[in-house]
Amino acid sequence: MNILEKILVEKSKRLDQLQEAVPFSRLVTQYEDAQTKSKKENDSSKTGFDKPIFTQNTFQVIAEIKRASPSKGKIPWALSLEDLLKQYESGGASLISVLTEEDFFLGSNTLFQTVRQLTLLPLLRKDFIFTKYQVYESALLGANVILLITSILDQQKLHALIILAEQLGLIPLVECRDEEEIAKALAAGATLLGINNRDLRTFEINLNRTAELSQLIPKDCFLVSESGILEPKDAALVSHFGADAILVGESCVRSNHPGEHIRALLEAGQEQKLLSSAKTKRRDIL
């Protein structure tokens, strides 16, 4: 059994326990009640922004709140959660990713809710989501974006979860690892795609995965390069290959100055994006 399979076994067990405590019908009612209350209060603070979260022709950094990984165990943080979030904001992160998987990444819904209270930046709920229950749960937690991993979903389920997420006002980030999964994601209606440079079966990292697969992503889609981006040169590399954003976790939480780290990644990616754009325009003219 590989690492991904082990994670899914434990996630299924936890989900069964959760649904026993709060059945799906009650969860849906809780979501609908929360929506009604929000409308009455005219609550516009869900993202803190009126502009779209993801915009074309830009380069963005998604900074992650990550406590552990299956390959490295618990990750030591240089700062407190509050200070980390302040640094993410000052560094120019467009979005904050929060890992909520409990057994292998030491995340939780409570951690997500705490982050939601501490920042107005949009939040990505990063977990192993494969049921409608989890999509409703994500919306109720206050997520703006959710991760859907193509490798753990068949075509029909992926399409159904994308549609449900959009109906609930969530943006689905659909993660792929090879050509077949990109084709499946696009056929399911995905327009925000992630290329994971980490193989979830072995947790080995290869940045060339973005280079190899990015050419398969249509130009009207938004591409996020995930995992293994540690330095500005890495951000520039994946930007060169067409990434519109990067998702960065471990290097941020380990840094004593994550704001400066994010700014350096952002500047390197933006500079390369402008360079690539200029070259494209010259080719068009010629």
Protein backbone atom coordinates (compact mmCIF):
# COMPACT_ATOMS: atom_id res chain seq x y z
CA MET A 1 0.00 0.00 0.00
CA ASN A 2 1.51 3.34 -1.06
CA ILE A 3 1.30 6.58 0.95
CA LEU A 4 -1.72 7.93 -0.92
CA GLU A 5 -3.66 4.72 -0.36
CA LYS A 6 -2.87 4.83 3.37
CA ILE A 7 -4.06 8.44 3.58
CA LEU A 8 -7.33 7.59 1.85
CA VAL A 9 -8.00 4.65 4.18
CA GLU A 10 -7.64 6.86 7.25
CA LYS A 11 -9.60 9.71 5.68
CA SER A 12 -12.48 7.32 4.90
CA LYS A 13 -12.56 6.15 8.53
CA ARG A 14 -12.65 9.71 9.84
CA LEU A 15 -15.34 10.66 7.35
CA ASP A 16 -17.52 7.73 8.45
CA GLN A 17 -17.22 8.86 12.07
CA LEU A 18 -17.98 12.44 11.14
CA GLN A 19 -21.11 11.50 9.20
CA GLU A 20 -22.35 9.44 12.13
CA ALA A 21 -22.08 12.51 14.37
CA VAL A 22 -23.41 14.97 11.77
CA PRO A 23 -25.40 13.28 8.96
CA PHE A 24 -25.28 14.76 5.47
CA SER A 25 -28.84 16.13 5.65
CA ARG A 26 -28.02 18.02 8.86
CA LEU A 27 -24.80 19.38 7.34
CA VAL A 28 -26.74 20.71 4.35
CA THR A 29 -29.23 22.36 6.72
CA GLN A 30 -26.37 23.95 8.66
CA TYR A 31 -24.93 25.31 5.42
CA GLU A 32 -28.30 26.70 4.29
CA ASP A 33 -28.89 28.31 7.70
CA ALA A 34 -25.44 29.89 7.58
CA GLN A 35 -26.17 31.26 4.10
CA THR A 36 -29.48 32.74 5.25
CA LYS A 37 -27.82 34.36 8.25
CA SER A 38 -25.01 35.73 6.08
CA LYS A 39 -27.49 37.31 3.66
CA LYS A 40 -29.44 38.91 6.49
CA GLU A 41 -26.26 40.38 7.92
CA ASN A 42 -25.11 41.38 4.42
CA ASP A 43 -21.79 39.69 5.16
CA SER A 44 -19.31 40.59 2.41
CA SER A 45 -16.23 39.61 4.37
CA LYS A 46 -15.79 36.09 3.02
CA THR A 47 -12.74 36.95 0.97
CA GLY A 48 -12.06 40.54 1.94
CA PHE A 49 -11.72 41.32 -1.80
CA ASP A 50 -14.14 42.42 -4.49
CA LYS A 51 -11.74 41.41 -7.28
CA PRO A 52 -11.38 37.83 -8.62
CA ILE A 53 -8.98 35.57 -6.72
CA PHE A 54 -7.27 34.31 -9.89
CA THR A 55 -6.53 36.66 -12.78
CA GLN A 56 -4.92 35.96 -16.14
CA ASN A 57 -1.55 37.42 -17.18
CA THR A 58 -0.29 37.63 -13.61
CA PHE A 59 1.91 35.54 -11.36
CA GLN A 60 0.65 34.75 -7.87
CA VAL A 61 1.83 32.96 -4.74
CA ILE A 62 -0.40 30.65 -2.72
CA ALA A 63 1.23 30.39 0.71
CA GLU A 64 0.44 27.32 2.78
CA ILE A 65 -0.19 26.59 6.44
CA LYS A 66 1.41 23.17 6.85
CA ARG A 67 2.27 21.40 10.10
CA ALA A 68 3.65 18.08 8.84
CA SER A 69 4.10 15.79 5.85
CA PRO A 70 4.15 12.00 5.48
CA SER A 71 7.72 12.10 4.17
CA LYS A 72 9.28 14.47 6.75
CA GLY A 73 7.04 14.25 9.79
CA LYS A 74 6.32 17.34 11.88
CA ILE A 75 7.67 20.54 10.35
CA PRO A 76 9.19 23.07 12.79
CA TRP A 77 7.76 26.56 12.38
CA ALA A 78 9.94 29.62 12.80
CA LEU A 79 6.97 31.83 13.74
CA SER A 80 3.59 31.62 15.46
CA LEU A 81 0.48 31.14 13.35
CA GLU A 82 -0.54 34.78 13.84
CA ASP A 83 2.87 36.12 12.83
CA LEU A 84 3.07 33.70 9.91
CA LEU A 85 -0.23 34.97 8.53
CA LYS A 86 0.85 38.60 8.91
CA GLN A 87 4.01 37.78 6.98
CA TYR A 88 2.01 36.01 4.26
CA GLU A 89 -0.16 39.10 3.87
CA SER A 90 2.74 41.57 3.84
CA GLY A 91 4.69 39.38 1.42
CA GLY A 92 1.97 39.61 -1.19
CA ALA A 93 0.38 36.15 -1.08
CA SER A 94 -2.88 36.13 -3.04
CA LEU A 95 -4.32 33.11 -1.29
CA ILE A 96 -3.61 31.00 1.78
CA SER A 97 -3.78 27.23 1.62
CA VAL A 98 -4.64 25.38 4.84
CA LEU A 99 -4.04 21.65 5.11
CA THR A 100 -6.86 20.06 7.10
CA GLU A 101 -5.90 16.37 6.79
CA GLU A 102 -5.46 15.08 10.34
CA ASP A 103 -3.37 11.90 10.41
CA PHE A 104 -0.49 12.54 8.03
CA PHE A 105 -0.38 16.36 7.82
CA LEU A 106 -1.57 17.14 11.38
CA GLY A 107 -4.17 19.60 10.11
CA SER A 108 -7.77 20.04 11.26
CA ASN A 109 -10.97 21.92 10.59
CA THR A 110 -10.28 23.84 13.80
CA LEU A 111 -6.98 25.06 12.33
CA PHE A 112 -8.84 26.20 9.21
CA GLN A 113 -11.43 28.08 11.27
CA THR A 114 -8.67 29.77 13.28
CA VAL A 115 -6.95 30.92 10.10
CA ARG A 116 -10.32 32.15 8.76
CA GLN A 117 -10.67 34.35 11.84
CA LEU A 118 -7.14 35.73 11.58
CA THR A 119 -7.04 36.82 7.93
CA LEU A 120 -9.26 38.31 5.25
CA LEU A 121 -7.24 36.72 2.46
CA PRO A 122 -9.06 34.03 0.46
CA LEU A 123 -8.52 30.49 1.73
CA LEU A 124 -7.91 27.19 -0.04
CA ARG A 125 -8.98 24.10 1.85
CA LYS A 126 -6.37 21.50 0.97
CA ASP A 127 -7.45 17.97 1.79
CA PHE A 128 -8.33 14.65 0.20
CA ILE A 129 -11.87 15.48 -0.90
CA PHE A 130 -13.91 12.77 -2.60
CA THR A 131 -17.50 13.24 -1.34
CA LYS A 132 -20.27 15.83 -1.52
CA TYR A 133 -20.20 15.88 2.27
CA GLN A 134 -16.66 17.33 2.24
CA VAL A 135 -17.60 19.98 -0.32
CA TYR A 136 -20.48 21.22 1.84
CA GLU A 137 -18.19 21.03 4.87
CA SER A 138 -15.63 23.19 3.07
CA ALA A 139 -18.23 25.81 2.23
CA LEU A 140 -19.46 25.83 5.82
CA LEU A 141 -15.89 26.29 7.08
CA GLY A 142 -15.56 29.45 4.97
CA ALA A 143 -13.33 28.17 2.19
CA ASN A 144 -13.11 30.07 -1.08
CA VAL A 145 -11.23 27.40 -3.02
CA ILE A 146 -11.07 23.61 -2.58
CA LEU A 147 -8.58 21.08 -3.86
CA LEU A 148 -9.88 18.19 -5.95
CA ILE A 149 -7.28 15.51 -6.70
CA THR A 150 -7.92 13.87 -10.05
CA SER A 151 -6.13 10.64 -9.17
CA ILE A 152 -8.63 9.78 -6.40
CA LEU A 153 -11.77 10.58 -8.42
CA ASP A 154 -13.31 8.96 -11.46
CA GLN A 155 -14.56 11.12 -14.35
CA GLN A 156 -18.19 11.21 -13.19
CA LYS A 157 -17.37 12.01 -9.57
CA LEU A 158 -14.88 14.71 -10.52
CA HIS A 159 -17.44 16.41 -12.75
CA ALA A 160 -20.13 16.18 -10.06
CA LEU A 161 -17.87 17.70 -7.38
CA ILE A 162 -16.75 20.52 -9.69
CA ILE A 163 -20.39 21.39 -10.39
CA LEU A 164 -21.36 21.21 -6.71
CA ALA A 165 -18.39 23.32 -5.64
CA GLU A 166 -19.31 26.03 -8.14
CA GLN A 167 -22.96 25.94 -7.04
CA LEU A 168 -21.81 26.56 -3.46
CA GLY A 169 -19.62 29.47 -4.52
CA LEU A 170 -16.35 27.56 -4.26
CA ILE A 171 -13.58 27.55 -6.86
CA PRO A 172 -12.29 24.01 -7.55
CA LEU A 173 -8.53 23.69 -8.01
CA VAL A 174 -8.18 20.39 -9.88
CA GLU A 175 -4.82 18.72 -9.33
CA CYS A 176 -3.22 16.50 -12.00
CA ARG A 177 -0.04 14.47 -12.26
CA ASP A 178 0.07 13.19 -15.86
CA GLU A 179 -1.37 13.59 -19.37
CA GLU A 180 -4.30 11.26 -18.72
CA GLU A 181 -5.38 13.19 -15.62
CA ILE A 182 -5.16 16.54 -17.42
CA ALA A 183 -7.43 15.19 -20.16
CA LYS A 184 -9.83 13.90 -17.51
CA ALA A 185 -9.83 17.22 -15.62
CA LEU A 186 -10.50 19.25 -18.77
CA ALA A 187 -13.29 16.90 -19.85
CA ALA A 188 -14.84 17.31 -16.38
CA GLY A 189 -14.94 21.09 -16.85
CA ALA A 190 -11.91 22.20 -14.85
CA THR A 191 -10.53 25.66 -15.66
CA LEU A 192 -8.23 26.06 -12.63
CA LEU A 193 -5.66 23.28 -12.84
CA GLY A 194 -2.77 22.33 -10.61
CA ILE A 195 0.24 20.30 -11.63
CA ASN A 196 1.64 18.55 -8.59
CA ASN A 197 5.40 18.18 -8.88
CA ARG A 198 5.16 15.66 -6.04
CA ASP A 199 4.05 12.11 -6.78
CA LEU A 200 1.53 11.41 -4.00
CA ARG A 201 2.23 7.68 -4.23
CA THR A 202 5.94 8.05 -3.38
CA PHE A 203 6.21 11.75 -2.39
CA GLU A 204 9.16 12.22 -4.75
CA ILE A 205 9.44 15.68 -6.34
CA ASN A 206 10.26 16.56 -9.93
CA LEU A 207 9.83 20.17 -11.13
CA ASN A 208 10.09 18.96 -14.73
CA ARG A 209 6.55 17.67 -14.31
CA THR A 210 5.32 21.27 -14.75
CA ALA A 211 7.56 21.67 -17.81
CA GLU A 212 6.26 18.47 -19.40
CA LEU A 213 2.56 18.92 -18.68
CA SER A 214 2.00 22.68 -18.89
CA GLN A 215 1.92 22.57 -22.70
CA LEU A 216 -1.28 20.50 -22.44
CA ILE A 217 -3.14 23.23 -20.52
CA PRO A 218 -5.32 25.51 -22.71
CA LYS A 219 -4.38 29.19 -22.62
CA ASP A 220 -7.77 30.19 -21.19
CA CYS A 221 -7.15 28.01 -18.10
CA PHE A 222 -5.25 29.12 -14.99
CA LEU A 223 -2.27 26.93 -14.05
CA VAL A 224 -0.84 26.42 -10.55
CA SER A 225 2.48 24.64 -10.04
CA GLU A 226 2.45 22.82 -6.70
CA SER A 227 5.22 21.43 -4.46
CA GLY A 228 9.00 21.53 -4.60
CA ILE A 229 9.30 25.28 -5.14
CA LEU A 230 11.91 26.41 -2.64
CA GLU A 231 13.83 29.30 -4.23
CA PRO A 232 13.22 32.22 -6.60
CA LYS A 233 14.91 30.28 -9.42
CA ASP A 234 12.27 27.55 -8.99
CA ALA A 235 9.48 30.12 -9.25
CA ALA A 236 11.10 31.58 -12.39
CA LEU A 237 11.45 28.10 -13.90
CA VAL A 238 7.80 27.10 -13.54
CA SER A 239 6.71 30.59 -14.60
CA HIS A 240 8.77 30.13 -17.75
CA PHE A 241 6.87 26.93 -18.45
CA GLY A 242 3.53 28.68 -18.15
CA ALA A 243 2.54 28.56 -14.47
CA ASP A 244 0.31 31.46 -13.41
CA ALA A 245 0.78 30.73 -9.71
CA ILE A 246 2.78 28.58 -7.33
CA LEU A 247 1.70 26.83 -4.15
CA VAL A 248 4.45 27.01 -1.53
CA GLY A 249 4.33 25.45 1.92
CA GLU A 250 7.36 24.05 3.70
CA SER A 251 9.85 26.75 2.69
CA CYS A 252 7.43 29.38 4.01
CA VAL A 253 6.71 27.91 7.43
CA ARG A 254 10.40 27.13 8.03
CA SER A 255 11.55 30.64 7.08
CA ASN A 256 12.38 33.26 9.70
CA HIS A 257 11.26 35.90 7.19
CA PRO A 258 8.44 34.32 5.14
CA GLY A 259 7.23 37.71 3.90
CA GLU A 260 10.60 38.39 2.25
CA HIS A 261 10.68 34.82 0.94
CA ILE A 262 7.26 35.19 -0.70
CA ARG A 263 8.21 38.57 -2.19
CA ALA A 264 11.35 37.06 -3.72
CA LEU A 265 9.37 34.17 -5.24
CA LEU A 266 6.72 36.58 -6.49
CA GLU A 267 9.22 38.93 -8.10
CA ALA A 268 11.11 36.09 -9.80
CA GLY A 269 7.90 34.60 -11.19
CA GLN A 270 6.51 37.96 -12.32
CA GLU A 271 9.77 38.94 -14.00
CA GLN A 272 9.85 35.68 -15.95
CA LYS A 273 6.18 36.05 -16.85
CA LEU A 274 6.85 39.50 -18.33
CA LEU A 275 9.88 38.16 -20.19
CA SER A 276 7.91 35.28 -21.66
CA SER A 277 5.07 37.62 -22.62
CA ALA A 278 7.47 39.98 -24.38
CA LYS A 279 9.00 37.09 -26.35
CA THR A 280 5.54 35.87 -27.39
CA LYS A 281 4.58 39.34 -28.60
CA ARG A 282 7.79 39.58 -30.65
CA ARG A 283 7.06 36.21 -32.27
CA ASP A 284 3.51 37.36 -33.06
CA ILE A 285 4.85 40.51 -34.74
CA LEU A 286 7.39 38.56 -36.79
